[in-house]
Amino acid sequence: MTLVVGSNRHGRFGPVVADWLLGRIRDRDDLVAEVVDVADAALPMSLEPTPEATAALSGITPKLARADAFVVLTPEYNHSFPAGLKNLVDWHFTEWQAKPVGLVSYGGLAGGLRAAEHLRQVFAELHAVTVRDTVSFHNAGASFDDRGALRDPSGPDAAAKAMLDQLVWWGHALREARGRRPYGG
């Protein structure tokens, strides 16, 4: 599976949440994660296949293509998800098709849930399947201590387990289905 870290804002909080999530993934024997970080992707906004774009995509596209499932980690900026994340998503199409997507969000009072709901619409258009359960961090900065550990991990750990369990189930089911019959959506 591939974890997409969706923020490229200066001073971003995403790596703290990503590190926590990667810890939950490493605790499982049914998932191995690769990471694609929007902050490391120098993708042009023009969607023009220039040599620079091709070079930037060379480290991203193979990770997305070989993944059987995704977790997309997003902050909420202005009631939606960041432009850099949308750009990375839009550079790809078949890589998302007939694969499950789990959503993890963070933000202020809404915990990034509006961003997650917007992503559901985008992934539906790309023929990806978002799993029902999400993980969200309301007032994310206050949820973690200075070392990046959750102050109260019980709720987020339970939510992550539910989401990852669904992601594994859908990942297996859709991989088997794609193996029997290529997706033609």
N, C-alpha and C. Protein backbone atom coordinates (compact mmCIF):
# COMPACT_ATOMS: atom_id res chain seq x y z
N MET A 1 0.84 -1.19 0.00
CA MET A 1 0.00 0.00 0.00
C MET A 1 0.88 1.24 0.00
N THR A 2 0.32 2.31 -0.49
CA THR A 2 1.06 3.56 -0.54
C THR A 2 0.35 4.60 0.33
N LEU A 3 1.13 5.24 1.20
CA LEU A 3 0.65 6.36 2.00
C LEU A 3 1.02 7.63 1.26
N VAL A 4 0.01 8.44 0.94
CA VAL A 4 0.23 9.73 0.29
C VAL A 4 0.09 10.81 1.34
N VAL A 5 1.18 11.52 1.59
CA VAL A 5 1.18 12.64 2.54
C VAL A 5 0.85 13.88 1.72
N GLY A 6 -0.30 14.49 2.00
CA GLY A 6 -0.88 15.47 1.09
C GLY A 6 -0.62 16.93 1.34
N SER A 7 0.26 17.29 2.24
CA SER A 7 0.50 18.71 2.50
C SER A 7 1.91 19.09 2.10
N ASN A 8 2.03 20.25 1.49
CA ASN A 8 3.37 20.78 1.19
C ASN A 8 3.55 22.18 1.78
N ARG A 9 2.69 22.55 2.69
CA ARG A 9 2.76 23.87 3.32
C ARG A 9 3.97 23.96 4.23
N HIS A 10 4.63 25.12 4.23
CA HIS A 10 5.75 25.36 5.14
C HIS A 10 5.26 25.20 6.58
N GLY A 11 6.03 24.49 7.40
CA GLY A 11 5.67 24.29 8.80
C GLY A 11 4.55 23.28 8.98
N ARG A 12 4.30 22.45 8.01
CA ARG A 12 3.17 21.52 8.01
C ARG A 12 3.23 20.54 9.19
N PHE A 13 2.06 20.04 9.54
CA PHE A 13 1.91 19.10 10.64
C PHE A 13 1.82 17.66 10.13
N GLY A 14 1.65 17.50 8.83
CA GLY A 14 1.46 16.18 8.22
C GLY A 14 2.48 15.12 8.61
N PRO A 15 3.78 15.44 8.64
CA PRO A 15 4.74 14.40 9.00
C PRO A 15 4.52 13.80 10.40
N VAL A 16 4.00 14.59 11.33
CA VAL A 16 3.72 14.07 12.67
C VAL A 16 2.63 13.00 12.58
N VAL A 17 1.56 13.31 11.87
CA VAL A 17 0.46 12.35 11.71
C VAL A 17 0.93 11.15 10.89
N ALA A 18 1.71 11.40 9.86
CA ALA A 18 2.23 10.31 9.02
C ALA A 18 3.08 9.34 9.83
N ASP A 19 3.95 9.87 10.69
CA ASP A 19 4.79 9.01 11.52
C ASP A 19 3.93 8.14 12.45
N TRP A 20 2.91 8.74 13.05
CA TRP A 20 2.00 7.97 13.91
C TRP A 20 1.33 6.86 13.08
N LEU A 21 0.82 7.21 11.91
CA LEU A 21 0.11 6.24 11.07
C LEU A 21 1.05 5.13 10.61
N LEU A 22 2.26 5.49 10.22
CA LEU A 22 3.23 4.47 9.81
C LEU A 22 3.53 3.50 10.95
N GLY A 23 3.52 4.00 12.17
CA GLY A 23 3.67 3.11 13.33
C GLY A 23 2.54 2.11 13.43
N ARG A 24 1.30 2.52 13.17
CA ARG A 24 0.16 1.60 13.19
C ARG A 24 0.29 0.58 12.07
N ILE A 25 0.77 1.02 10.92
CA ILE A 25 0.93 0.11 9.77
C ILE A 25 2.03 -0.90 10.05
N ARG A 26 3.13 -0.45 10.63
CA ARG A 26 4.25 -1.36 10.93
C ARG A 26 3.87 -2.41 11.96
N ASP A 27 2.87 -2.13 12.80
CA ASP A 27 2.41 -3.09 13.80
C ASP A 27 1.63 -4.24 13.18
N ARG A 28 1.30 -4.14 11.91
CA ARG A 28 0.49 -5.15 11.22
C ARG A 28 1.38 -6.03 10.35
N ASP A 29 0.97 -7.28 10.18
CA ASP A 29 1.72 -8.15 9.29
C ASP A 29 1.06 -8.28 7.92
N ASP A 30 -0.04 -7.56 7.69
CA ASP A 30 -0.75 -7.65 6.42
C ASP A 30 -0.60 -6.38 5.56
N LEU A 31 0.26 -5.45 5.98
CA LEU A 31 0.49 -4.22 5.22
C LEU A 31 1.97 -3.86 5.22
N VAL A 32 2.43 -3.40 4.08
CA VAL A 32 3.76 -2.82 3.95
C VAL A 32 3.55 -1.49 3.24
N ALA A 33 4.08 -0.43 3.80
CA ALA A 33 3.81 0.90 3.25
C ALA A 33 5.00 1.48 2.50
N GLU A 34 4.68 2.10 1.38
CA GLU A 34 5.60 3.01 0.70
C GLU A 34 5.00 4.39 0.90
N VAL A 35 5.83 5.42 0.84
CA VAL A 35 5.35 6.78 1.08
C VAL A 35 5.59 7.63 -0.15
N VAL A 36 4.56 8.39 -0.51
CA VAL A 36 4.66 9.45 -1.51
C VAL A 36 4.31 10.73 -0.78
N ASP A 37 5.22 11.67 -0.75
CA ASP A 37 5.02 12.93 -0.03
C ASP A 37 4.91 14.06 -1.05
N VAL A 38 3.78 14.75 -1.03
CA VAL A 38 3.55 15.85 -1.95
C VAL A 38 4.66 16.90 -1.85
N ALA A 39 5.21 17.08 -0.66
CA ALA A 39 6.27 18.08 -0.47
C ALA A 39 7.54 17.71 -1.24
N ASP A 40 7.70 16.45 -1.56
CA ASP A 40 8.88 16.01 -2.31
C ASP A 40 8.64 15.95 -3.81
N ALA A 41 7.43 16.23 -4.23
CA ALA A 41 7.05 16.11 -5.65
C ALA A 41 7.05 17.48 -6.32
N ALA A 42 7.98 17.69 -7.20
CA ALA A 42 8.05 18.96 -7.93
C ALA A 42 7.25 18.86 -9.22
N LEU A 43 5.95 18.67 -9.08
CA LEU A 43 5.08 18.50 -10.24
C LEU A 43 4.56 19.85 -10.72
N PRO A 44 4.69 20.13 -12.01
CA PRO A 44 4.12 21.38 -12.52
C PRO A 44 2.60 21.33 -12.47
N MET A 45 1.99 22.48 -12.39
CA MET A 45 0.53 22.56 -12.32
C MET A 45 -0.12 22.47 -13.70
N SER A 46 0.66 22.53 -14.75
CA SER A 46 0.11 22.58 -16.11
C SER A 46 -0.38 21.24 -16.63
N LEU A 47 -0.01 20.14 -16.01
CA LEU A 47 -0.32 18.79 -16.47
C LEU A 47 0.21 18.54 -17.88
N GLU A 48 1.27 19.23 -18.22
CA GLU A 48 1.94 19.05 -19.51
C GLU A 48 3.10 18.07 -19.30
N PRO A 49 3.18 17.02 -20.14
CA PRO A 49 4.23 16.00 -19.94
C PRO A 49 5.61 16.48 -20.41
N THR A 50 6.14 17.44 -19.70
CA THR A 50 7.47 17.98 -20.01
C THR A 50 8.53 17.03 -19.47
N PRO A 51 9.78 17.19 -19.88
CA PRO A 51 10.86 16.36 -19.30
C PRO A 51 10.95 16.53 -17.78
N GLU A 52 10.70 17.73 -17.27
CA GLU A 52 10.74 17.96 -15.82
C GLU A 52 9.62 17.18 -15.12
N ALA A 53 8.43 17.20 -15.72
CA ALA A 53 7.30 16.46 -15.14
C ALA A 53 7.58 14.97 -15.17
N THR A 54 8.10 14.49 -16.28
CA THR A 54 8.42 13.06 -16.40
C THR A 54 9.44 12.65 -15.35
N ALA A 55 10.43 13.48 -15.12
CA ALA A 55 11.44 13.18 -14.09
C ALA A 55 10.81 13.16 -12.70
N ALA A 56 9.95 14.13 -12.41
CA ALA A 56 9.30 14.19 -11.10
C ALA A 56 8.38 12.99 -10.89
N LEU A 57 7.70 12.57 -11.93
CA LEU A 57 6.77 11.44 -11.82
C LEU A 57 7.47 10.10 -11.71
N SER A 58 8.73 10.03 -12.12
CA SER A 58 9.44 8.75 -12.14
C SER A 58 9.57 8.12 -10.75
N GLY A 59 9.56 8.91 -9.71
CA GLY A 59 9.63 8.37 -8.36
C GLY A 59 8.27 8.17 -7.72
N ILE A 60 7.22 8.68 -8.35
CA ILE A 60 5.88 8.63 -7.77
C ILE A 60 5.00 7.58 -8.45
N THR A 61 4.92 7.67 -9.76
CA THR A 61 4.00 6.82 -10.52
C THR A 61 4.21 5.33 -10.26
N PRO A 62 5.45 4.82 -10.22
CA PRO A 62 5.62 3.39 -9.94
C PRO A 62 5.07 2.97 -8.57
N LYS A 63 5.21 3.82 -7.57
CA LYS A 63 4.69 3.50 -6.24
C LYS A 63 3.17 3.41 -6.27
N LEU A 64 2.54 4.34 -6.99
CA LEU A 64 1.08 4.31 -7.09
C LEU A 64 0.62 3.12 -7.92
N ALA A 65 1.32 2.83 -9.01
CA ALA A 65 0.92 1.75 -9.90
C ALA A 65 1.00 0.39 -9.22
N ARG A 66 2.02 0.15 -8.41
CA ARG A 66 2.17 -1.18 -7.80
C ARG A 66 1.37 -1.34 -6.51
N ALA A 67 0.81 -0.27 -6.00
CA ALA A 67 0.03 -0.35 -4.76
C ALA A 67 -1.30 -1.06 -5.00
N ASP A 68 -1.70 -1.88 -4.03
CA ASP A 68 -3.03 -2.49 -4.06
C ASP A 68 -4.03 -1.66 -3.27
N ALA A 69 -3.53 -0.67 -2.53
CA ALA A 69 -4.39 0.17 -1.70
C ALA A 69 -3.62 1.45 -1.36
N PHE A 70 -4.38 2.45 -0.95
CA PHE A 70 -3.79 3.75 -0.60
C PHE A 70 -4.38 4.26 0.71
N VAL A 71 -3.57 5.00 1.44
CA VAL A 71 -4.07 5.86 2.50
C VAL A 71 -3.64 7.26 2.10
N VAL A 72 -4.60 8.17 2.05
CA VAL A 72 -4.31 9.56 1.72
C VAL A 72 -4.48 10.37 3.00
N LEU A 73 -3.41 11.03 3.39
CA LEU A 73 -3.38 11.86 4.59
C LEU A 73 -3.48 13.31 4.15
N THR A 74 -4.52 14.00 4.62
CA THR A 74 -4.74 15.37 4.17
C THR A 74 -5.06 16.32 5.32
N PRO A 75 -4.52 17.52 5.24
CA PRO A 75 -5.01 18.57 6.12
C PRO A 75 -6.24 19.19 5.47
N GLU A 76 -6.89 20.06 6.20
CA GLU A 76 -7.98 20.83 5.63
C GLU A 76 -7.53 22.28 5.51
N TYR A 77 -7.50 22.77 4.28
CA TYR A 77 -7.19 24.16 4.00
C TYR A 77 -8.43 24.79 3.38
N ASN A 78 -8.97 25.80 3.99
CA ASN A 78 -10.12 26.52 3.43
C ASN A 78 -11.27 25.58 3.06
N HIS A 79 -11.60 24.68 3.97
CA HIS A 79 -12.71 23.73 3.82
C HIS A 79 -12.49 22.67 2.75
N SER A 80 -11.26 22.43 2.33
CA SER A 80 -10.99 21.39 1.34
C SER A 80 -9.57 20.89 1.51
N PHE A 81 -9.10 20.12 0.54
CA PHE A 81 -7.76 19.56 0.60
C PHE A 81 -6.80 20.43 -0.22
N PRO A 82 -5.51 20.30 -0.01
CA PRO A 82 -4.53 21.19 -0.64
C PRO A 82 -4.40 21.01 -2.15
N ALA A 83 -4.03 22.09 -2.81
CA ALA A 83 -3.84 22.08 -4.26
C ALA A 83 -2.73 21.11 -4.67
N GLY A 84 -1.67 21.02 -3.89
CA GLY A 84 -0.58 20.10 -4.23
C GLY A 84 -1.04 18.66 -4.26
N LEU A 85 -1.93 18.29 -3.35
CA LEU A 85 -2.49 16.93 -3.34
C LEU A 85 -3.36 16.72 -4.57
N LYS A 86 -4.19 17.69 -4.89
CA LYS A 86 -5.05 17.57 -6.09
C LYS A 86 -4.20 17.43 -7.34
N ASN A 87 -3.12 18.17 -7.41
CA ASN A 87 -2.22 18.10 -8.55
C ASN A 87 -1.62 16.70 -8.68
N LEU A 88 -1.15 16.14 -7.58
CA LEU A 88 -0.58 14.80 -7.62
C LEU A 88 -1.63 13.78 -8.05
N VAL A 89 -2.83 13.89 -7.51
CA VAL A 89 -3.91 12.98 -7.89
C VAL A 89 -4.19 13.11 -9.38
N ASP A 90 -4.29 14.33 -9.88
CA ASP A 90 -4.66 14.57 -11.28
C ASP A 90 -3.61 14.12 -12.29
N TRP A 91 -2.37 14.01 -11.88
CA TRP A 91 -1.33 13.52 -12.78
C TRP A 91 -1.49 12.03 -13.06
N HIS A 92 -2.36 11.36 -12.33
CA HIS A 92 -2.53 9.91 -12.45
C HIS A 92 -4.00 9.57 -12.70
N PHE A 93 -4.23 8.43 -13.32
CA PHE A 93 -5.60 7.98 -13.55
C PHE A 93 -5.71 6.47 -13.33
N THR A 94 -5.10 5.69 -14.19
CA THR A 94 -5.22 4.23 -14.07
C THR A 94 -4.59 3.72 -12.78
N GLU A 95 -3.64 4.44 -12.24
CA GLU A 95 -2.99 4.01 -11.00
C GLU A 95 -3.99 3.92 -9.84
N TRP A 96 -5.06 4.71 -9.88
CA TRP A 96 -6.05 4.73 -8.80
C TRP A 96 -7.18 3.73 -9.05
N GLN A 97 -7.42 3.38 -10.30
CA GLN A 97 -8.62 2.63 -10.68
C GLN A 97 -8.74 1.28 -9.97
N ALA A 98 -9.97 1.01 -9.52
CA ALA A 98 -10.33 -0.26 -8.90
C ALA A 98 -9.42 -0.62 -7.73
N LYS A 99 -9.06 0.40 -6.96
CA LYS A 99 -8.24 0.20 -5.76
C LYS A 99 -8.88 0.97 -4.60
N PRO A 100 -8.71 0.47 -3.38
CA PRO A 100 -9.30 1.16 -2.23
C PRO A 100 -8.42 2.30 -1.71
N VAL A 101 -9.10 3.29 -1.14
CA VAL A 101 -8.43 4.46 -0.57
C VAL A 101 -8.98 4.68 0.84
N GLY A 102 -8.09 4.71 1.81
CA GLY A 102 -8.44 5.11 3.17
C GLY A 102 -8.06 6.56 3.36
N LEU A 103 -8.84 7.29 4.14
CA LEU A 103 -8.61 8.72 4.32
C LEU A 103 -8.30 9.04 5.78
N VAL A 104 -7.23 9.78 5.97
CA VAL A 104 -6.84 10.28 7.29
C VAL A 104 -6.74 11.79 7.15
N SER A 105 -7.40 12.51 8.05
CA SER A 105 -7.42 13.97 7.94
C SER A 105 -7.10 14.61 9.28
N TYR A 106 -6.67 15.85 9.18
CA TYR A 106 -6.40 16.61 10.40
C TYR A 106 -6.69 18.08 10.14
N GLY A 107 -6.97 18.78 11.22
CA GLY A 107 -7.27 20.20 11.11
C GLY A 107 -7.72 20.75 12.44
N GLY A 108 -8.48 21.81 12.38
CA GLY A 108 -8.98 22.47 13.57
C GLY A 108 -10.23 21.77 14.08
N LEU A 109 -11.30 22.53 14.26
CA LEU A 109 -12.53 21.98 14.84
C LEU A 109 -13.12 20.86 14.00
N ALA A 110 -13.03 20.96 12.68
CA ALA A 110 -13.63 19.95 11.81
C ALA A 110 -12.73 18.74 11.60
N GLY A 111 -11.49 18.80 12.04
CA GLY A 111 -10.60 17.66 11.93
C GLY A 111 -10.27 17.24 10.51
N GLY A 112 -10.48 18.13 9.56
CA GLY A 112 -10.18 17.80 8.17
C GLY A 112 -11.26 16.99 7.47
N LEU A 113 -12.39 16.79 8.13
CA LEU A 113 -13.43 15.94 7.55
C LEU A 113 -14.02 16.51 6.26
N ARG A 114 -14.06 17.83 6.12
CA ARG A 114 -14.57 18.40 4.86
C ARG A 114 -13.61 18.09 3.73
N ALA A 115 -12.31 18.11 4.00
CA ALA A 115 -11.31 17.75 3.00
C ALA A 115 -11.48 16.28 2.60
N ALA A 116 -11.70 15.42 3.59
CA ALA A 116 -11.88 13.99 3.31
C ALA A 116 -13.12 13.76 2.45
N GLU A 117 -14.20 14.46 2.74
CA GLU A 117 -15.42 14.29 1.94
C GLU A 117 -15.22 14.78 0.50
N HIS A 118 -14.46 15.84 0.32
CA HIS A 118 -14.16 16.29 -1.05
C HIS A 118 -13.32 15.26 -1.78
N LEU A 119 -12.38 14.64 -1.08
CA LEU A 119 -11.55 13.61 -1.71
C LEU A 119 -12.39 12.40 -2.13
N ARG A 120 -13.43 12.07 -1.39
CA ARG A 120 -14.29 10.96 -1.79
C ARG A 120 -14.87 11.19 -3.19
N GLN A 121 -15.28 12.41 -3.46
CA GLN A 121 -15.84 12.73 -4.78
C GLN A 121 -14.78 12.59 -5.88
N VAL A 122 -13.59 13.05 -5.60
CA VAL A 122 -12.50 12.97 -6.58
C VAL A 122 -12.16 11.51 -6.87
N PHE A 123 -12.01 10.71 -5.81
CA PHE A 123 -11.64 9.31 -6.03
C PHE A 123 -12.77 8.51 -6.67
N ALA A 124 -14.02 8.87 -6.42
CA ALA A 124 -15.13 8.20 -7.12
C ALA A 124 -15.01 8.45 -8.62
N GLU A 125 -14.67 9.65 -9.00
CA GLU A 125 -14.50 9.97 -10.43
C GLU A 125 -13.36 9.18 -11.05
N LEU A 126 -12.36 8.84 -10.25
CA LEU A 126 -11.20 8.08 -10.73
C LEU A 126 -11.41 6.57 -10.63
N HIS A 127 -12.63 6.16 -10.29
CA HIS A 127 -12.98 4.74 -10.19
C HIS A 127 -12.23 4.05 -9.06
N ALA A 128 -11.90 4.78 -8.02
CA ALA A 128 -11.32 4.21 -6.81
C ALA A 128 -12.44 4.06 -5.78
N VAL A 129 -12.22 3.21 -4.80
CA VAL A 129 -13.22 2.92 -3.78
C VAL A 129 -12.71 3.45 -2.45
N THR A 130 -13.35 4.47 -1.90
CA THR A 130 -12.94 4.94 -0.58
C THR A 130 -13.62 4.07 0.47
N VAL A 131 -12.86 3.69 1.49
CA VAL A 131 -13.45 2.88 2.56
C VAL A 131 -14.27 3.79 3.47
N ARG A 132 -15.23 3.21 4.14
CA ARG A 132 -16.16 4.00 4.92
C ARG A 132 -15.50 4.72 6.09
N ASP A 133 -14.76 3.98 6.91
CA ASP A 133 -14.21 4.56 8.12
C ASP A 133 -12.98 5.42 7.83
N THR A 134 -12.87 6.51 8.54
CA THR A 134 -11.74 7.43 8.40
C THR A 134 -11.09 7.61 9.76
N VAL A 135 -9.96 8.29 9.72
CA VAL A 135 -9.30 8.72 10.95
C VAL A 135 -9.19 10.23 10.83
N SER A 136 -9.63 10.94 11.85
CA SER A 136 -9.51 12.39 11.79
C SER A 136 -9.03 12.92 13.14
N PHE A 137 -8.25 13.98 13.04
CA PHE A 137 -7.69 14.61 14.23
C PHE A 137 -8.21 16.04 14.33
N HIS A 138 -9.12 16.25 15.28
CA HIS A 138 -9.66 17.58 15.56
C HIS A 138 -8.65 18.30 16.45
N ASN A 139 -8.37 19.55 16.14
CA ASN A 139 -7.35 20.30 16.87
C ASN A 139 -6.07 19.47 16.97
N ALA A 140 -5.59 19.09 15.81
CA ALA A 140 -4.51 18.12 15.70
C ALA A 140 -3.28 18.49 16.52
N GLY A 141 -2.89 19.75 16.51
CA GLY A 141 -1.70 20.15 17.24
C GLY A 141 -1.77 19.84 18.72
N ALA A 142 -2.94 19.93 19.29
CA ALA A 142 -3.10 19.65 20.72
C ALA A 142 -3.22 18.15 21.01
N SER A 143 -3.44 17.34 19.97
CA SER A 143 -3.59 15.90 20.16
C SER A 143 -2.26 15.19 20.36
N PHE A 144 -1.18 15.80 19.92
CA PHE A 144 0.14 15.20 19.97
C PHE A 144 1.03 16.01 20.91
N ASP A 145 1.95 15.33 21.59
CA ASP A 145 2.90 16.04 22.44
C ASP A 145 4.10 16.52 21.61
N ASP A 146 5.07 17.12 22.26
CA ASP A 146 6.23 17.69 21.56
C ASP A 146 7.11 16.64 20.88
N ARG A 147 6.99 15.39 21.29
CA ARG A 147 7.76 14.30 20.67
C ARG A 147 7.00 13.65 19.52
N GLY A 148 5.75 14.09 19.26
CA GLY A 148 4.94 13.51 18.20
C GLY A 148 4.12 12.32 18.62
N ALA A 149 4.02 12.08 19.93
CA ALA A 149 3.20 10.97 20.44
C ALA A 149 1.80 11.48 20.77
N LEU A 150 0.81 10.65 20.51
CA LEU A 150 -0.56 11.03 20.85
C LEU A 150 -0.73 11.11 22.36
N ARG A 151 -1.42 12.14 22.80
CA ARG A 151 -1.68 12.29 24.23
C ARG A 151 -2.67 11.20 24.70
N ASP A 152 -3.67 10.91 23.89
CA ASP A 152 -4.63 9.84 24.19
C ASP A 152 -4.82 9.01 22.92
N PRO A 153 -4.07 7.92 22.77
CA PRO A 153 -4.10 7.16 21.52
C PRO A 153 -5.29 6.23 21.35
N SER A 154 -6.11 6.05 22.38
CA SER A 154 -7.15 5.01 22.32
C SER A 154 -8.12 5.22 21.15
N GLY A 155 -8.68 6.40 21.00
CA GLY A 155 -9.64 6.66 19.91
C GLY A 155 -8.99 6.58 18.54
N PRO A 156 -7.90 7.31 18.30
CA PRO A 156 -7.25 7.23 16.99
C PRO A 156 -6.73 5.84 16.65
N ASP A 157 -6.19 5.11 17.63
CA ASP A 157 -5.71 3.76 17.35
C ASP A 157 -6.86 2.86 16.92
N ALA A 158 -8.01 2.96 17.59
CA ALA A 158 -9.18 2.15 17.23
C ALA A 158 -9.69 2.53 15.84
N ALA A 159 -9.72 3.84 15.55
CA ALA A 159 -10.18 4.29 14.24
C ALA A 159 -9.23 3.82 13.14
N ALA A 160 -7.93 3.89 13.41
CA ALA A 160 -6.94 3.43 12.41
C ALA A 160 -7.08 1.94 12.18
N LYS A 161 -7.29 1.17 13.22
CA LYS A 161 -7.45 -0.27 13.04
C LYS A 161 -8.66 -0.57 12.17
N ALA A 162 -9.78 0.07 12.44
CA ALA A 162 -10.99 -0.16 11.64
C ALA A 162 -10.76 0.21 10.18
N MET A 163 -10.16 1.36 9.94
CA MET A 163 -9.91 1.80 8.56
C MET A 163 -8.94 0.86 7.86
N LEU A 164 -7.85 0.50 8.53
CA LEU A 164 -6.85 -0.37 7.90
C LEU A 164 -7.40 -1.78 7.67
N ASP A 165 -8.25 -2.28 8.58
CA ASP A 165 -8.89 -3.58 8.35
C ASP A 165 -9.74 -3.54 7.09
N GLN A 166 -10.52 -2.47 6.92
CA GLN A 166 -11.34 -2.33 5.71
C GLN A 166 -10.46 -2.21 4.47
N LEU A 167 -9.38 -1.46 4.58
CA LEU A 167 -8.47 -1.26 3.45
C LEU A 167 -7.85 -2.59 3.01
N VAL A 168 -7.45 -3.41 3.97
CA VAL A 168 -6.87 -4.72 3.64
C VAL A 168 -7.92 -5.59 2.94
N TRP A 169 -9.14 -5.62 3.49
CA TRP A 169 -10.19 -6.45 2.87
C TRP A 169 -10.43 -6.02 1.43
N TRP A 170 -10.65 -4.72 1.23
CA TRP A 170 -10.92 -4.21 -0.11
C TRP A 170 -9.70 -4.38 -1.01
N GLY A 171 -8.52 -4.21 -0.46
CA GLY A 171 -7.30 -4.39 -1.26
C GLY A 171 -7.19 -5.79 -1.82
N HIS A 172 -7.45 -6.80 -0.97
CA HIS A 172 -7.42 -8.19 -1.44
C HIS A 172 -8.52 -8.45 -2.46
N ALA A 173 -9.74 -8.02 -2.13
CA ALA A 173 -10.89 -8.29 -3.01
C ALA A 173 -10.69 -7.65 -4.39
N LEU A 174 -10.25 -6.42 -4.42
CA LEU A 174 -10.09 -5.73 -5.70
C LEU A 174 -8.88 -6.24 -6.48
N ARG A 175 -7.81 -6.64 -5.79
CA ARG A 175 -6.66 -7.23 -6.49
C ARG A 175 -7.07 -8.53 -7.16
N GLU A 176 -7.82 -9.36 -6.43
CA GLU A 176 -8.31 -10.61 -7.02
C GLU A 176 -9.22 -10.34 -8.21
N ALA A 177 -10.10 -9.36 -8.08
CA ALA A 177 -11.01 -9.03 -9.19
C ALA A 177 -10.24 -8.50 -10.40
N ARG A 178 -9.25 -7.64 -10.17
CA ARG A 178 -8.45 -7.13 -11.30
C ARG A 178 -7.66 -8.26 -11.96
N GLY A 179 -7.24 -9.25 -11.16
CA GLY A 179 -6.51 -10.39 -11.69
C GLY A 179 -7.38 -11.28 -12.58
N ARG A 180 -8.65 -11.43 -12.21
CA ARG A 180 -9.57 -12.25 -12.98
C ARG A 180 -10.04 -11.56 -14.25
N ARG A 181 -10.25 -10.24 -14.12
CA ARG A 181 -10.76 -9.49 -15.25
C ARG A 181 -10.27 -8.05 -15.13
N PRO A 182 -9.45 -7.61 -16.08
CA PRO A 182 -8.96 -6.22 -16.01
C PRO A 182 -10.11 -5.24 -15.92
N TYR A 183 -9.89 -4.21 -15.12
CA TYR A 183 -10.93 -3.19 -14.95
C TYR A 183 -11.00 -2.35 -16.21
N GLY A 184 -12.19 -2.16 -16.72
CA GLY A 184 -12.34 -1.40 -17.97
C GLY A 184 -13.14 -0.15 -17.83
N GLY A 185 -13.17 0.44 -16.62
CA GLY A 185 -13.97 1.62 -16.36
C GLY A 185 -13.50 2.79 -17.10
